[in-house]
């Protein structure tokens, strides 16, 4: 087996690993589409439950979680003011977003054609 074949096999295995471990919402968590960055680790996110929330990236994830517009994210609403605010706790990679779309988790979002 040549070097290119090994690299291709490793890349295919990594893709399968990403698809196998897609993080799904638990409890009050919901999936959302990041509409706009507002600055200061705050973002406007349109969630599957019909609410548009002003979400923030918590301090423990601030340096590790880099988001852009039209990213699919996992949002945890706040206990108080949960319809208006929440925390972004996870960002889905494009291959994971495709898997979510295929499985029907993103049916309520209309603008997910970028993936």
N, C-alpha and C. Protein backbone atom coordinates (compact mmCIF):
# COMPACT_ATOMS: atom_id res chain seq x y z
N UNK A 1 0.85 -1.18 0.00
CA UNK A 1 0.00 0.00 0.00
C UNK A 1 0.90 1.24 0.00
N UNK A 2 0.67 2.12 -0.98
CA UNK A 2 1.48 3.32 -1.11
C UNK A 2 1.08 4.41 -0.13
N UNK A 3 1.87 5.46 -0.14
CA UNK A 3 1.65 6.57 0.79
C UNK A 3 0.32 7.27 0.52
N UNK A 4 0.00 7.49 -0.75
CA UNK A 4 -1.25 8.17 -1.09
C UNK A 4 -2.46 7.33 -0.68
N UNK A 5 -2.36 6.03 -0.87
CA UNK A 5 -3.47 5.15 -0.48
C UNK A 5 -3.68 5.16 1.03
N UNK A 6 -2.58 5.19 1.79
CA UNK A 6 -2.69 5.26 3.25
C UNK A 6 -3.33 6.56 3.69
N UNK A 7 -2.90 7.67 3.06
CA UNK A 7 -3.47 8.98 3.42
C UNK A 7 -4.97 9.02 3.09
N UNK A 8 -5.35 8.47 1.95
CA UNK A 8 -6.76 8.45 1.56
C UNK A 8 -7.58 7.59 2.53
N UNK A 9 -7.03 6.45 2.93
CA UNK A 9 -7.73 5.58 3.88
C UNK A 9 -7.87 6.27 5.24
N UNK A 10 -6.84 6.98 5.68
CA UNK A 10 -6.91 7.70 6.95
C UNK A 10 -7.93 8.83 6.89
N UNK A 11 -7.99 9.54 5.76
CA UNK A 11 -8.96 10.62 5.60
C UNK A 11 -10.40 10.07 5.60
N UNK A 12 -10.62 8.96 4.93
CA UNK A 12 -11.95 8.34 4.91
C UNK A 12 -12.35 7.86 6.30
N UNK A 13 -11.40 7.31 7.04
CA UNK A 13 -11.68 6.86 8.41
C UNK A 13 -12.03 8.04 9.32
N UNK A 14 -11.34 9.17 9.13
CA UNK A 14 -11.62 10.36 9.93
C UNK A 14 -13.02 10.89 9.63
N UNK A 15 -13.43 10.88 8.37
CA UNK A 15 -14.78 11.33 8.00
C UNK A 15 -15.82 10.43 8.64
N UNK A 16 -15.61 9.13 8.61
CA UNK A 16 -16.56 8.20 9.22
C UNK A 16 -16.62 8.42 10.73
N UNK A 17 -15.48 8.73 11.35
CA UNK A 17 -15.44 8.98 12.79
C UNK A 17 -16.25 10.23 13.14
N UNK A 18 -16.13 11.28 12.31
CA UNK A 18 -16.87 12.51 12.56
C UNK A 18 -18.37 12.27 12.46
N UNK A 19 -18.78 11.49 11.47
CA UNK A 19 -20.21 11.23 11.28
C UNK A 19 -20.74 10.37 12.42
N UNK A 20 -19.95 9.44 12.90
CA UNK A 20 -20.40 8.52 13.93
C UNK A 20 -20.64 9.23 15.26
N UNK A 21 -19.97 10.30 15.52
CA UNK A 21 -20.03 10.96 16.82
C UNK A 21 -20.68 12.33 16.76
N UNK A 22 -21.82 12.43 16.13
CA UNK A 22 -22.52 13.70 16.05
C UNK A 22 -23.25 13.94 17.37
N UNK A 23 -23.03 15.11 17.95
CA UNK A 23 -23.63 15.46 19.23
C UNK A 23 -25.06 15.94 18.98
N UNK A 24 -26.04 15.28 19.60
CA UNK A 24 -27.45 15.63 19.43
C UNK A 24 -27.94 16.40 20.64
N UNK A 25 -29.00 17.22 20.47
CA UNK A 25 -29.52 18.00 21.60
C UNK A 25 -30.11 17.11 22.69
N UNK A 26 -29.86 17.49 23.94
CA UNK A 26 -30.41 16.79 25.10
C UNK A 26 -31.17 17.78 25.96
N UNK A 27 -32.26 17.34 26.52
CA UNK A 27 -33.02 18.19 27.44
C UNK A 27 -33.55 19.44 26.76
N UNK A 28 -33.16 20.60 27.25
CA UNK A 28 -33.65 21.87 26.71
C UNK A 28 -32.81 22.39 25.55
N UNK A 29 -31.73 21.71 25.21
CA UNK A 29 -30.85 22.17 24.14
C UNK A 29 -31.58 22.11 22.80
N UNK A 30 -31.16 22.98 21.88
CA UNK A 30 -31.75 23.01 20.54
C UNK A 30 -30.67 23.34 19.51
N UNK A 31 -30.93 22.99 18.27
CA UNK A 31 -30.01 23.28 17.18
C UNK A 31 -30.42 24.62 16.57
N UNK A 32 -29.44 25.40 16.13
CA UNK A 32 -29.74 26.70 15.55
C UNK A 32 -28.79 27.07 14.44
N UNK A 33 -29.18 28.08 13.67
CA UNK A 33 -28.39 28.61 12.58
C UNK A 33 -27.90 30.00 12.98
N UNK A 34 -26.60 30.21 12.98
CA UNK A 34 -26.03 31.48 13.38
C UNK A 34 -26.29 32.50 12.27
N UNK A 35 -27.08 33.52 12.57
CA UNK A 35 -27.45 34.51 11.57
C UNK A 35 -26.48 35.67 11.50
N UNK A 36 -26.03 36.16 12.69
CA UNK A 36 -25.22 37.37 12.69
C UNK A 36 -24.31 37.39 13.91
N UNK A 37 -23.06 37.82 13.71
CA UNK A 37 -22.16 38.04 14.84
C UNK A 37 -22.37 39.46 15.32
N UNK A 38 -22.50 39.62 16.63
CA UNK A 38 -22.78 40.94 17.19
C UNK A 38 -21.57 41.56 17.88
N UNK A 39 -20.52 40.81 18.06
CA UNK A 39 -19.32 41.32 18.71
C UNK A 39 -19.29 40.96 20.18
N UNK A 40 -18.11 40.89 20.74
CA UNK A 40 -17.98 40.58 22.16
C UNK A 40 -18.47 39.18 22.51
N UNK A 41 -18.21 38.20 21.65
CA UNK A 41 -18.61 36.80 21.81
C UNK A 41 -20.13 36.62 21.85
N UNK A 42 -20.86 37.54 21.26
CA UNK A 42 -22.32 37.42 21.18
C UNK A 42 -22.74 37.24 19.73
N UNK A 43 -23.82 36.47 19.54
CA UNK A 43 -24.30 36.16 18.21
C UNK A 43 -25.83 36.09 18.22
N UNK A 44 -26.40 36.31 17.06
CA UNK A 44 -27.84 36.15 16.88
C UNK A 44 -28.06 34.80 16.21
N UNK A 45 -28.84 33.92 16.86
CA UNK A 45 -29.03 32.55 16.39
C UNK A 45 -30.52 32.28 16.22
N UNK A 46 -30.90 31.75 15.03
CA UNK A 46 -32.28 31.32 14.79
C UNK A 46 -32.36 29.83 15.12
N UNK A 47 -33.15 29.49 16.13
CA UNK A 47 -33.21 28.12 16.65
C UNK A 47 -34.37 27.35 16.02
N UNK A 48 -34.30 26.02 16.12
CA UNK A 48 -35.33 25.14 15.57
C UNK A 48 -36.66 25.27 16.29
N UNK A 49 -36.65 25.73 17.53
CA UNK A 49 -37.91 25.84 18.27
C UNK A 49 -38.67 27.12 17.92
N UNK A 50 -38.20 27.88 16.92
CA UNK A 50 -38.91 29.06 16.45
C UNK A 50 -38.46 30.38 17.05
N UNK A 51 -37.58 30.35 18.02
CA UNK A 51 -37.10 31.57 18.66
C UNK A 51 -35.80 32.05 18.01
N UNK A 52 -35.61 33.36 18.00
CA UNK A 52 -34.33 33.94 17.62
C UNK A 52 -33.70 34.44 18.90
N UNK A 53 -32.56 33.88 19.25
CA UNK A 53 -31.92 34.17 20.53
C UNK A 53 -30.65 34.97 20.35
N UNK A 54 -30.37 35.82 21.34
CA UNK A 54 -29.10 36.51 21.46
C UNK A 54 -28.21 35.60 22.29
N UNK A 55 -27.31 34.88 21.64
CA UNK A 55 -26.50 33.86 22.32
C UNK A 55 -25.08 34.36 22.52
N UNK A 56 -24.45 33.82 23.52
CA UNK A 56 -23.05 34.15 23.79
C UNK A 56 -22.24 32.86 23.80
N UNK A 57 -20.95 33.02 23.60
CA UNK A 57 -20.02 31.90 23.72
C UNK A 57 -19.45 31.98 25.12
N UNK A 58 -19.66 30.96 25.96
CA UNK A 58 -19.17 31.02 27.35
C UNK A 58 -17.65 31.16 27.41
N UNK A 59 -17.16 31.69 28.52
CA UNK A 59 -15.74 31.95 28.69
C UNK A 59 -14.86 30.72 28.53
N UNK A 60 -15.35 29.56 28.95
CA UNK A 60 -14.52 28.35 28.85
C UNK A 60 -14.32 27.91 27.40
N UNK A 61 -15.19 28.37 26.48
CA UNK A 61 -15.10 28.00 25.07
C UNK A 61 -14.64 29.15 24.17
N UNK A 62 -14.43 30.31 24.74
CA UNK A 62 -14.20 31.52 23.95
C UNK A 62 -13.01 31.39 23.01
N UNK A 63 -11.92 30.79 23.44
CA UNK A 63 -10.73 30.66 22.60
C UNK A 63 -10.79 29.44 21.69
N UNK A 64 -11.60 28.45 22.04
CA UNK A 64 -11.65 27.21 21.28
C UNK A 64 -12.74 27.17 20.22
N UNK A 65 -13.81 27.93 20.39
CA UNK A 65 -14.97 27.85 19.51
C UNK A 65 -15.02 29.08 18.62
N UNK A 66 -14.66 28.90 17.35
CA UNK A 66 -14.69 29.99 16.39
C UNK A 66 -15.87 29.76 15.47
N UNK A 67 -16.77 30.75 15.42
CA UNK A 67 -17.98 30.59 14.63
C UNK A 67 -18.08 31.69 13.57
N UNK A 68 -18.82 31.39 12.51
CA UNK A 68 -19.10 32.34 11.44
C UNK A 68 -20.58 32.32 11.14
N UNK A 69 -21.02 33.26 10.32
CA UNK A 69 -22.41 33.27 9.92
C UNK A 69 -22.72 32.00 9.12
N UNK A 70 -23.95 31.52 9.26
CA UNK A 70 -24.47 30.31 8.61
C UNK A 70 -23.88 29.02 9.15
N UNK A 71 -23.24 29.05 10.32
CA UNK A 71 -22.80 27.82 10.98
C UNK A 71 -23.98 27.20 11.73
N UNK A 72 -24.00 25.89 11.79
CA UNK A 72 -25.00 25.17 12.57
C UNK A 72 -24.40 24.95 13.95
N UNK A 73 -25.12 25.39 15.00
CA UNK A 73 -24.60 25.33 16.36
C UNK A 73 -25.63 24.68 17.28
N UNK A 74 -25.15 24.23 18.42
CA UNK A 74 -26.01 23.68 19.47
C UNK A 74 -26.14 24.74 20.56
N UNK A 75 -27.39 25.10 20.88
CA UNK A 75 -27.68 26.19 21.80
C UNK A 75 -28.36 25.65 23.05
N UNK A 76 -27.92 26.14 24.20
CA UNK A 76 -28.58 25.82 25.46
C UNK A 76 -29.23 27.10 25.99
N UNK A 77 -30.58 27.16 25.99
CA UNK A 77 -31.26 28.37 26.48
C UNK A 77 -30.99 28.59 27.96
N UNK A 78 -31.00 29.86 28.37
CA UNK A 78 -30.82 30.19 29.77
C UNK A 78 -32.06 29.80 30.55
N UNK A 79 -31.88 29.57 31.86
CA UNK A 79 -33.03 29.25 32.72
C UNK A 79 -33.97 30.44 32.82
N UNK A 80 -33.42 31.64 32.97
CA UNK A 80 -34.22 32.86 33.04
C UNK A 80 -34.05 33.61 31.73
N UNK A 81 -35.14 33.92 31.07
CA UNK A 81 -35.05 34.59 29.77
C UNK A 81 -34.63 33.64 28.67
N UNK A 82 -35.01 32.38 28.78
CA UNK A 82 -34.58 31.35 27.84
C UNK A 82 -35.12 31.53 26.43
N UNK A 83 -36.22 32.28 26.27
CA UNK A 83 -36.75 32.50 24.93
C UNK A 83 -35.97 33.57 24.18
N UNK A 84 -35.22 34.39 24.91
CA UNK A 84 -34.48 35.49 24.29
C UNK A 84 -32.97 35.27 24.28
N UNK A 85 -32.45 34.47 25.20
CA UNK A 85 -31.00 34.33 25.36
C UNK A 85 -30.59 32.88 25.52
N UNK A 86 -29.31 32.62 25.24
CA UNK A 86 -28.79 31.28 25.40
C UNK A 86 -27.27 31.26 25.25
N UNK A 87 -26.71 30.07 25.40
CA UNK A 87 -25.27 29.85 25.25
C UNK A 87 -25.02 28.93 24.07
N UNK A 88 -24.02 29.24 23.27
CA UNK A 88 -23.58 28.35 22.20
C UNK A 88 -22.59 27.38 22.83
N UNK A 89 -22.90 26.09 22.79
CA UNK A 89 -22.05 25.12 23.46
C UNK A 89 -21.31 24.19 22.50
N UNK A 90 -21.69 24.20 21.20
CA UNK A 90 -21.03 23.30 20.26
C UNK A 90 -21.27 23.81 18.84
N UNK A 91 -20.25 23.67 17.98
CA UNK A 91 -20.39 24.02 16.57
C UNK A 91 -20.22 22.75 15.75
N UNK A 92 -21.19 22.50 14.85
CA UNK A 92 -21.12 21.32 13.99
C UNK A 92 -20.21 21.58 12.80
N UNK A 93 -19.40 20.59 12.45
CA UNK A 93 -18.58 20.67 11.25
C UNK A 93 -19.47 20.45 10.04
N UNK A 94 -19.03 20.87 8.84
CA UNK A 94 -19.89 20.73 7.66
C UNK A 94 -20.36 19.29 7.40
N UNK A 95 -19.50 18.31 7.59
CA UNK A 95 -19.90 16.92 7.35
C UNK A 95 -20.96 16.49 8.36
N UNK A 96 -20.85 16.99 9.61
CA UNK A 96 -21.85 16.68 10.62
C UNK A 96 -23.18 17.36 10.31
N UNK A 97 -23.11 18.59 9.78
CA UNK A 97 -24.33 19.30 9.40
C UNK A 97 -25.04 18.58 8.25
N UNK A 98 -24.27 18.04 7.31
CA UNK A 98 -24.88 17.26 6.23
C UNK A 98 -25.59 16.03 6.79
N UNK A 99 -24.97 15.37 7.75
CA UNK A 99 -25.57 14.19 8.37
C UNK A 99 -26.87 14.56 9.08
N UNK A 100 -26.86 15.67 9.82
CA UNK A 100 -28.08 16.14 10.49
C UNK A 100 -29.19 16.44 9.49
N UNK A 101 -28.82 17.04 8.37
CA UNK A 101 -29.82 17.36 7.34
C UNK A 101 -30.39 16.08 6.73
N UNK A 102 -29.52 15.10 6.45
CA UNK A 102 -29.98 13.83 5.88
C UNK A 102 -30.91 13.09 6.82
N UNK A 103 -30.62 13.15 8.11
CA UNK A 103 -31.43 12.43 9.10
C UNK A 103 -32.70 13.18 9.49
N UNK A 104 -32.87 14.42 9.02
CA UNK A 104 -34.11 15.15 9.26
C UNK A 104 -34.11 16.05 10.48
N UNK A 105 -32.97 16.27 11.10
CA UNK A 105 -32.92 17.14 12.27
C UNK A 105 -33.02 18.62 11.90
N UNK A 106 -32.70 18.96 10.66
CA UNK A 106 -32.69 20.36 10.24
C UNK A 106 -33.85 20.70 9.31
N UNK A 107 -34.93 19.94 9.37
CA UNK A 107 -36.06 20.17 8.47
C UNK A 107 -36.71 21.53 8.67
N UNK A 108 -36.71 22.04 9.89
CA UNK A 108 -37.38 23.31 10.18
C UNK A 108 -36.58 24.52 9.73
N UNK A 109 -35.29 24.35 9.49
CA UNK A 109 -34.47 25.47 9.01
C UNK A 109 -34.52 25.51 7.49
N UNK A 110 -34.81 26.66 6.92
CA UNK A 110 -34.93 26.76 5.47
C UNK A 110 -33.60 27.08 4.78
N UNK A 111 -32.75 27.86 5.42
CA UNK A 111 -31.54 28.35 4.76
C UNK A 111 -30.32 27.49 5.05
N UNK A 112 -30.46 26.18 4.98
CA UNK A 112 -29.31 25.31 5.22
C UNK A 112 -28.80 24.71 3.92
N UNK A 113 -29.01 25.37 2.79
CA UNK A 113 -28.59 24.84 1.51
C UNK A 113 -27.09 24.99 1.28
N UNK A 114 -26.39 25.73 2.15
CA UNK A 114 -24.96 25.93 1.97
C UNK A 114 -24.18 24.66 2.21
N UNK A 115 -24.77 23.70 2.90
CA UNK A 115 -24.01 22.50 3.28
C UNK A 115 -24.15 21.44 2.24
